[in-house]
């Protein structure tokens, strides 16, 4: 999956010589602090839920492409945080 929305942020960060940036993201009933790290390779997105003890990270590869598949336990916990019903038969 390509995250085109990160491209303008990346360009802005580079022009200001910023290597790490935090922004807020809301999904369903959860509010995330998202950290975008461009000081390593691959780049990294770290998602932390503000009201829960839960976080996960995704690598951002060349072309701002991520693998959106999560391991089973992370996916199950994310469903709980978002107020979604976990379906073990549904592909992750």
Protein backbone atom coordinates (compact mmCIF):
# COMPACT_ATOMS: atom_id res chain seq x y z
CA UNK A 1 0.00 0.00 0.00
CA UNK A 2 1.38 3.41 -0.96
CA UNK A 3 0.96 6.30 1.48
CA UNK A 4 0.93 9.32 -0.85
CA UNK A 5 -0.05 11.59 2.06
CA UNK A 6 3.41 11.15 3.59
CA UNK A 7 5.17 12.66 0.58
CA UNK A 8 4.34 16.33 1.35
CA UNK A 9 5.19 15.76 5.02
CA UNK A 10 8.52 14.19 4.06
CA UNK A 11 9.38 17.09 1.74
CA UNK A 12 8.49 19.60 4.45
CA UNK A 13 10.58 17.73 7.00
CA UNK A 14 13.57 17.59 4.64
CA UNK A 15 13.33 21.32 3.81
CA UNK A 16 13.31 22.15 7.54
CA UNK A 17 16.01 19.60 8.41
CA UNK A 18 13.61 17.68 10.71
CA UNK A 19 14.17 13.93 11.13
CA UNK A 20 11.26 13.07 13.43
CA UNK A 21 7.72 14.42 13.46
CA UNK A 22 4.64 13.71 15.58
CA UNK A 23 1.03 14.17 14.50
CA UNK A 24 -2.39 13.06 15.71
CA UNK A 25 -4.59 10.60 13.84
CA UNK A 26 -8.17 9.68 14.74
CA UNK A 27 -9.82 6.45 13.66
CA UNK A 28 -13.14 5.18 14.96
CA UNK A 29 -13.07 5.73 18.71
CA UNK A 30 -9.26 5.78 19.02
CA UNK A 31 -6.88 8.72 18.96
CA UNK A 32 -3.30 7.93 17.95
CA UNK A 33 -0.05 9.80 18.33
CA UNK A 34 1.84 8.95 15.16
CA UNK A 35 5.58 9.45 14.91
CA UNK A 36 7.25 9.59 11.49
CA UNK A 37 10.98 8.84 11.60
CA UNK A 38 13.07 9.54 8.50
CA UNK A 39 16.49 9.22 10.14
CA UNK A 40 16.77 5.50 9.38
CA UNK A 41 16.27 3.17 6.47
CA UNK A 42 13.58 2.17 5.97
CA UNK A 43 11.58 5.08 7.39
CA UNK A 44 9.29 4.23 10.29
CA UNK A 45 5.74 5.04 11.41
CA UNK A 46 5.04 4.43 15.10
CA UNK A 47 1.39 4.46 16.18
CA UNK A 48 0.56 4.86 19.87
CA UNK A 49 -3.01 4.96 21.17
CA UNK A 50 -3.39 7.81 23.63
CA UNK A 51 -5.90 6.22 26.01
CA UNK A 52 -4.55 2.66 25.82
CA UNK A 53 -1.32 0.85 26.49
CA UNK A 54 -0.96 -0.15 22.84
CA UNK A 55 1.39 0.72 20.02
CA UNK A 56 2.69 -0.76 16.79
CA UNK A 57 5.06 0.26 14.04
CA UNK A 58 5.18 0.01 10.29
CA UNK A 59 8.20 0.28 8.02
CA UNK A 60 7.89 2.83 5.22
CA UNK A 61 9.85 1.54 2.25
CA UNK A 62 11.04 3.28 -0.92
CA UNK A 63 8.18 5.01 -2.69
CA UNK A 64 6.33 5.43 0.67
CA UNK A 65 5.06 1.86 0.45
CA UNK A 66 4.08 -0.06 3.58
CA UNK A 67 3.12 -3.65 4.24
CA UNK A 68 -0.23 -3.16 5.98
CA UNK A 69 -0.47 -6.77 7.18
CA UNK A 70 -0.15 -7.00 10.95
CA UNK A 71 0.65 -10.04 13.02
CA UNK A 72 -2.41 -11.72 14.51
CA UNK A 73 -2.04 -10.41 18.08
CA UNK A 74 -1.44 -6.82 16.96
CA UNK A 75 -4.39 -7.00 14.58
CA UNK A 76 -6.65 -8.41 17.32
CA UNK A 77 -5.63 -5.67 19.78
CA UNK A 78 -6.09 -2.97 17.11
CA UNK A 79 -9.63 -4.24 16.50
CA UNK A 80 -10.35 -3.96 20.23
CA UNK A 81 -8.97 -0.42 20.41
CA UNK A 82 -11.02 0.64 17.38
CA UNK A 83 -14.17 -1.01 18.73
CA UNK A 84 -14.29 -3.52 15.89
CA UNK A 85 -15.12 -7.19 16.19
CA UNK A 86 -12.11 -9.43 15.62
CA UNK A 87 -12.85 -12.20 13.14
CA UNK A 88 -10.21 -14.96 13.24
CA UNK A 89 -11.42 -16.24 9.87
CA UNK A 90 -10.80 -12.90 8.16
CA UNK A 91 -7.36 -12.50 6.58
CA UNK A 92 -5.07 -10.08 8.35
